[in-house]
Amino acid sequence: MPIPDFFASAVHKSSDPPSGATQASPAWDDVRFFLAVARDGSLSGAARTLRVEHSTVARRVAALEASLGVRLFDRLPRSWTLTSEGEALIAPAERLEHEALAFSRAATSATSLQGTVRISAPPAFASHFLVPQLASRIDRWKGIDLDLVGEVRTANLHRGEADLSLRFMRPGEPGLAARKLGELGFRLYAAPTWPERAHADWRFLGYGDPLSDVPHQQLLARMAGERPFVLRSNDLAAVHQACRAGMGLAMLPSFLAGNDAGLVEMPGADWPLLREIWCVVHPDVRRSPRVRLMADLIAELVQENSAVLV
């Protein structure tokens, strides 16, 4: 099934690039480093974003400043702050970024099945569901190098942080193409000794930032009331292991806990709580044969395993 048939997209046109010649012609890669430091406010933050050493970031920004003949940042002990000259260059740098990324996406769309597909997905879903399922179909994606990134945050597809993004909510960013793949169920689980305990003695395991506002955490908080949360974590695997160890009760996804002999489902009328599973791409990338192949395959795997997921 071709991706345009199942991705509903809204494409926003970019602003026109600035006209006129400039005094210098800095390399786009140096501008990319400039934007990363401006957004993160520090060398270490930019280095993490770009996945390079902080010395590399400092060197590339210095090269850009030398080519332009201006100082872009004030170097402070714990942060780098933009100078007035740096502030003035943010908007044109972002326009340049937009065009460079559009060129990269267009190049990806024109290529064959050979190459890399970068997939961003929630960590536990990536490791406990997606990887085993993809391993069973490895012959379907020969020639493709998968770069699977398990991350709690939402990958920025406009900046090329991923080719495909799997999310548990409908995307809100404009200009993306998305398809709902299915649903994911969360239920209340505990170690086998917990059903025998008085409800007043129940302890709970929850999610920390940035997951503290997800629907299954909100449901658990309402249920807990005044009863204590003894652990909060942004790592679903940690919550799962704490639950297996008998530390308390937790809302866990069915694919992770449903067949776990070390857990029992606690009775209740408010679950399963269902989350939607969405596959999201940038419209410029969805025409890439290898991206389309992986999107189709993941959709197939989610649909075939719908009973396990809910």
Protein backbone atom coordinates (compact mmCIF):
# COMPACT_ATOMS: atom_id res chain seq x y z
CA MET A 1 0.00 0.00 0.00
CA PRO A 2 1.60 3.31 -0.97
CA ILE A 3 2.12 5.73 1.86
CA PRO A 4 0.12 8.59 0.28
CA ASP A 5 -2.97 6.32 0.61
CA PHE A 6 -2.78 6.17 4.38
CA PHE A 7 -0.91 9.25 5.55
CA ALA A 8 -3.10 12.33 5.94
CA SER A 9 -0.73 15.24 5.58
CA ALA A 10 -0.75 19.01 5.67
CA VAL A 11 2.24 20.67 4.05
CA HIS A 12 3.24 24.23 4.88
CA LYS A 13 5.42 26.14 2.43
CA SER A 14 8.66 27.59 3.74
CA SER A 15 9.60 31.24 3.70
CA ASP A 16 11.64 32.46 0.75
CA PRO A 17 15.37 32.48 1.38
CA PRO A 18 17.01 35.87 1.88
CA SER A 19 18.14 37.56 -1.28
CA GLY A 20 21.37 39.35 -2.01
CA ALA A 21 25.00 38.44 -1.60
CA THR A 22 26.68 38.16 1.78
CA GLN A 23 30.12 39.17 2.83
CA ALA A 24 31.07 35.61 3.68
CA SER A 25 29.92 32.19 2.55
CA PRO A 26 30.01 30.04 5.69
CA ALA A 27 29.57 26.29 5.36
CA TRP A 28 26.10 25.03 6.28
CA ASP A 29 27.64 22.58 8.74
CA ASP A 30 29.13 25.46 10.74
CA VAL A 31 25.75 27.21 10.77
CA ARG A 32 24.21 23.99 12.08
CA PHE A 33 26.60 24.06 15.05
CA PHE A 34 25.77 27.74 15.65
CA LEU A 35 22.04 26.95 15.83
CA ALA A 36 22.58 24.02 18.19
CA VAL A 37 24.51 26.17 20.68
CA ALA A 38 21.97 28.99 20.39
CA ARG A 39 19.11 26.58 21.13
CA ASP A 40 20.78 24.67 23.97
CA GLY A 41 22.65 27.59 25.51
CA SER A 42 25.75 25.55 26.21
CA LEU A 43 28.50 23.57 24.50
CA SER A 44 27.62 20.38 26.37
CA GLY A 45 23.93 20.59 25.44
CA ALA A 46 24.73 21.24 21.79
CA ALA A 47 27.25 18.40 21.80
CA ARG A 48 24.62 15.98 23.10
CA THR A 49 22.14 17.13 20.47
CA LEU A 50 24.67 16.78 17.65
CA ARG A 51 26.32 13.66 19.09
CA VAL A 52 29.84 15.05 18.94
CA GLU A 53 32.48 16.16 21.45
CA HIS A 54 32.03 19.63 22.94
CA SER A 55 35.47 20.57 21.59
CA THR A 56 34.15 19.94 18.09
CA VAL A 57 31.25 22.31 18.72
CA ALA A 58 33.59 25.02 20.00
CA ARG A 59 35.89 24.62 17.01
CA ARG A 60 33.07 24.82 14.45
CA VAL A 61 31.51 27.89 16.04
CA ALA A 62 34.91 29.57 16.14
CA ALA A 63 35.35 28.78 12.43
CA LEU A 64 31.99 30.39 11.67
CA GLU A 65 32.88 33.49 13.68
CA ALA A 66 36.19 33.73 11.82
CA SER A 67 34.52 33.44 8.42
CA LEU A 68 31.95 36.12 9.31
CA GLY A 69 34.32 38.39 11.22
CA VAL A 70 31.93 38.75 14.17
CA ARG A 71 31.61 37.32 17.68
CA LEU A 72 28.39 35.31 17.94
CA PHE A 73 28.49 34.22 21.59
CA ASP A 74 29.62 35.50 24.95
CA ARG A 75 31.50 32.59 26.54
CA LEU A 76 30.38 32.29 30.16
CA PRO A 77 31.56 29.59 32.62
CA ARG A 78 28.32 27.60 32.46
CA SER A 79 26.66 28.87 29.32
CA TRP A 80 27.12 30.57 25.97
CA THR A 81 24.80 33.50 25.34
CA LEU A 82 24.15 35.11 22.01
CA THR A 83 25.64 38.52 21.27
CA SER A 84 23.49 41.08 19.47
CA GLU A 85 25.20 40.03 16.23
CA GLY A 86 24.37 36.40 16.97
CA GLU A 87 20.74 37.26 17.71
CA ALA A 88 20.45 39.00 14.35
CA LEU A 89 21.62 35.85 12.56
CA ILE A 90 19.18 33.37 14.14
CA ALA A 91 16.33 33.96 11.69
CA PRO A 92 18.44 33.72 8.50
CA ALA A 93 20.25 30.69 9.96
CA GLU A 94 16.92 28.97 10.55
CA ARG A 95 15.85 29.71 6.98
CA LEU A 96 19.10 28.18 5.79
CA GLU A 97 18.48 25.17 8.04
CA HIS A 98 15.00 24.76 6.59
CA GLU A 99 16.30 24.72 3.03
CA ALA A 100 19.22 22.40 3.84
CA LEU A 101 16.93 19.90 5.53
CA ALA A 102 14.45 20.11 2.65
CA PHE A 103 17.30 19.29 0.26
CA SER A 104 18.32 16.34 2.44
CA ARG A 105 14.76 15.01 2.59
CA ALA A 106 14.39 15.35 -1.17
CA ALA A 107 17.62 13.42 -1.65
CA THR A 108 16.36 10.68 0.65
CA SER A 109 13.12 10.45 -1.31
CA ALA A 110 15.00 9.93 -4.55
CA THR A 111 17.13 7.04 -3.30
CA SER A 112 16.60 3.29 -3.46
CA LEU A 113 15.94 0.68 -0.78
CA GLN A 114 19.63 0.78 0.17
CA GLY A 115 20.59 3.03 3.07
CA THR A 116 19.67 4.10 6.59
CA VAL A 117 16.23 4.58 8.10
CA ARG A 118 16.21 6.33 11.47
CA ILE A 119 13.24 5.44 13.68
CA SER A 120 12.36 7.23 16.90
CA ALA A 121 10.13 5.32 19.33
CA PRO A 122 9.34 5.14 23.06
CA PRO A 123 12.19 3.09 24.62
CA ALA A 124 10.27 0.10 26.02
CA PHE A 125 8.11 -0.16 22.90
CA ALA A 126 11.27 -0.12 20.78
CA SER A 127 13.14 -2.76 22.79
CA HIS A 128 10.35 -5.12 23.91
CA PHE A 129 7.99 -5.01 20.94
CA LEU A 130 9.49 -3.47 17.86
CA VAL A 131 12.93 -5.14 17.89
CA PRO A 132 11.66 -8.73 18.37
CA GLN A 133 9.00 -8.25 15.72
CA LEU A 134 11.41 -6.72 13.20
CA ALA A 135 13.92 -9.50 13.87
CA SER A 136 11.34 -12.05 12.77
CA ARG A 137 10.95 -10.22 9.44
CA ILE A 138 14.59 -9.31 8.79
CA ASP A 139 14.43 -10.70 5.25
CA ARG A 140 11.83 -8.03 4.43
CA TRP A 141 14.28 -5.15 4.93
CA LYS A 142 17.54 -6.40 3.49
CA GLY A 143 19.88 -3.60 2.48
CA ILE A 144 18.40 -1.18 5.04
CA ASP A 145 20.47 -0.08 8.03
CA LEU A 146 18.08 0.61 10.90
CA ASP A 147 19.00 3.35 13.35
CA LEU A 148 16.49 2.78 16.16
CA VAL A 149 16.43 5.53 18.78
CA GLY A 150 14.51 4.83 21.99
CA GLU A 151 13.58 8.19 23.47
CA VAL A 152 10.90 9.64 25.70
CA ARG A 153 10.95 13.01 23.99
CA THR A 154 9.29 13.68 20.64
CA ALA A 155 11.76 13.69 17.75
CA ASN A 156 11.69 16.86 15.64
CA LEU A 157 11.02 15.60 12.11
CA HIS A 158 11.29 19.08 10.62
CA ARG A 159 14.92 19.13 11.73
CA GLY A 160 15.61 15.65 10.42
CA GLU A 161 16.05 14.02 13.84
CA ALA A 162 14.31 10.87 12.51
CA ASP A 163 12.74 9.52 9.33
CA LEU A 164 9.88 7.82 11.18
CA SER A 165 8.53 8.63 14.61
CA LEU A 166 6.28 6.24 16.56
CA ARG A 167 4.17 8.00 19.16
CA PHE A 168 1.40 7.24 21.62
CA MET A 169 -0.61 10.33 20.71
CA ARG A 170 -1.74 12.09 17.56
CA PRO A 171 0.95 14.52 16.33
CA GLY A 172 0.19 18.17 16.88
CA GLU A 173 2.95 19.73 14.76
CA PRO A 174 1.83 21.27 11.45
CA GLY A 175 3.10 19.98 8.14
CA LEU A 176 3.59 16.30 9.07
CA ALA A 177 2.05 13.14 7.63
CA ALA A 178 0.61 10.62 10.08
CA ARG A 179 -1.22 7.33 10.25
CA LYS A 180 -2.89 5.72 13.24
CA LEU A 181 -1.58 2.15 13.47
CA GLY A 182 -3.60 0.78 16.36
CA GLU A 183 -4.00 1.02 20.12
CA LEU A 184 -1.93 0.16 23.16
CA GLY A 185 -3.52 -0.96 26.42
CA PHE A 186 -2.32 -0.12 29.94
CA ARG A 187 -3.49 -2.11 32.98
CA LEU A 188 -2.78 -2.18 36.69
CA TYR A 189 -0.21 -4.87 37.58
CA ALA A 190 1.52 -6.05 40.73
CA ALA A 191 3.59 -8.92 42.11
CA PRO A 192 1.46 -11.97 43.07
CA THR A 193 1.42 -11.12 46.81
CA TRP A 194 -0.36 -7.79 46.38
CA PRO A 195 -3.98 -8.96 45.75
CA GLU A 196 -4.06 -10.36 49.29
CA ARG A 197 -3.20 -7.03 50.91
CA ALA A 198 -5.72 -4.49 52.13
CA HIS A 199 -6.37 -1.72 49.63
CA ALA A 200 -5.45 0.86 52.25
CA ASP A 201 -1.92 -0.58 52.31
CA TRP A 202 -1.32 -0.37 48.56
CA ARG A 203 1.79 1.50 47.37
CA PHE A 204 2.23 2.79 43.85
CA LEU A 205 4.91 3.13 41.20
CA GLY A 206 4.54 6.09 38.86
CA TYR A 207 6.16 8.02 36.07
CA GLY A 208 8.41 11.04 36.49
CA ASP A 209 8.93 13.95 34.13
CA PRO A 210 8.35 14.20 31.20
CA LEU A 211 5.79 11.37 31.56
CA SER A 212 4.00 12.65 34.65
CA ASP A 213 1.04 13.96 32.61
CA VAL A 214 0.41 10.93 30.38
CA PRO A 215 -3.15 9.53 30.65
CA HIS A 216 -2.20 6.25 32.38
CA GLN A 217 -0.24 8.14 35.05
CA GLN A 218 -3.17 10.50 35.61
CA LEU A 219 -5.49 7.51 36.06
CA LEU A 220 -3.09 5.92 38.55
CA ALA A 221 -2.78 9.18 40.51
CA ARG A 222 -6.57 9.42 40.81
CA MET A 223 -6.74 5.82 41.98
CA ALA A 224 -3.92 6.23 44.50
CA GLY A 225 -5.52 9.24 46.14
CA GLU A 226 -3.69 9.80 49.44
CA ARG A 227 -1.82 6.50 49.25
CA PRO A 228 1.91 6.87 48.60
CA PHE A 229 4.00 6.65 45.45
CA VAL A 230 7.22 4.98 46.56
CA LEU A 231 8.95 5.31 43.17
CA ARG A 232 8.67 7.54 40.12
CA SER A 233 10.79 7.11 37.00
CA ASN A 234 10.85 8.26 33.40
CA ASP A 235 12.15 4.76 32.53
CA LEU A 236 9.29 2.33 31.91
CA ALA A 237 11.69 -0.62 32.22
CA ALA A 238 12.64 0.55 35.73
CA VAL A 239 8.96 0.81 36.75
CA HIS A 240 8.37 -2.66 35.30
CA GLN A 241 11.25 -4.20 37.27
CA ALA A 242 10.21 -2.43 40.48
CA CYS A 243 6.71 -3.83 40.03
CA ARG A 244 8.07 -7.38 39.51
CA ALA A 245 10.19 -6.98 42.64
CA GLY A 246 7.07 -6.30 44.72
CA MET A 247 7.75 -2.62 45.39
CA GLY A 248 4.22 -1.57 44.48
CA LEU A 249 1.45 -1.38 41.87
CA ALA A 250 2.00 0.14 38.42
CA MET A 251 0.14 0.89 35.20
CA LEU A 252 2.05 -1.07 32.57
CA PRO A 253 1.50 -1.75 28.86
CA SER A 254 0.08 -5.12 27.92
CA PHE A 255 2.95 -5.98 25.57
CA LEU A 256 5.38 -5.65 28.47
CA ALA A 257 3.44 -7.12 31.39
CA GLY A 258 0.65 -9.21 29.89
CA ASN A 259 2.70 -12.41 29.56
CA ASP A 260 5.02 -11.78 32.51
CA ALA A 261 4.71 -14.70 34.94
CA GLY A 262 6.09 -12.47 37.70
CA LEU A 263 3.06 -10.17 37.59
CA VAL A 264 -0.70 -10.41 38.04
CA GLU A 265 -3.32 -8.02 36.73
CA MET A 266 -5.19 -6.25 39.50
CA PRO A 267 -8.98 -6.08 39.11
CA GLY A 268 -10.62 -2.80 38.24
CA ALA A 269 -13.25 -1.19 36.03
CA ASP A 270 -11.12 1.64 34.62
CA TRP A 271 -8.73 -0.39 32.47
CA PRO A 272 -7.45 -1.15 30.01
CA LEU A 273 -6.66 2.48 29.35
CA LEU A 274 -6.03 2.73 25.62
CA ARG A 275 -3.38 4.91 23.97
CA GLU A 276 -3.24 5.42 20.21
CA ILE A 277 -0.15 4.34 18.28
CA TRP A 278 0.80 6.76 15.49
CA CYS A 279 3.43 6.57 12.78
CA VAL A 280 4.59 10.05 11.78
CA VAL A 281 6.85 11.18 8.92
CA HIS A 282 7.78 14.40 7.18
CA PRO A 283 5.95 14.58 3.81
CA ASP A 284 9.26 15.03 1.96
CA VAL A 285 10.56 11.74 3.37
CA ARG A 286 7.50 9.52 2.99
CA ARG A 287 8.17 8.98 -0.72
CA SER A 288 11.51 7.34 0.02
CA PRO A 289 11.23 3.64 -0.93
CA ARG A 290 13.08 2.46 2.18
CA VAL A 291 11.13 4.73 4.55
CA ARG A 292 7.88 3.60 2.96
CA LEU A 293 8.92 -0.05 3.28
CA MET A 294 9.65 0.32 7.00
CA ALA A 295 6.45 2.30 7.61
CA ASP A 296 4.40 -0.40 5.88
CA LEU A 297 6.15 -3.17 7.79
CA ILE A 298 5.69 -1.53 11.20
CA ALA A 299 2.01 -0.91 10.43
CA GLU A 300 1.66 -4.58 9.52
CA LEU A 301 3.38 -5.73 12.73
CA VAL A 302 1.18 -3.54 14.95
CA GLN A 303 -2.00 -4.73 13.24
CA GLU A 304 -1.01 -8.41 13.41
CA ASN A 305 -0.25 -8.09 17.14
CA SER A 306 -3.28 -6.01 18.10
CA ALA A 307 -4.45 -8.63 20.60
CA VAL A 308 -1.06 -8.57 22.37
CA LEU A 309 -0.91 -4.80 22.43
CA VAL A 310 -4.31 -4.13 23.99
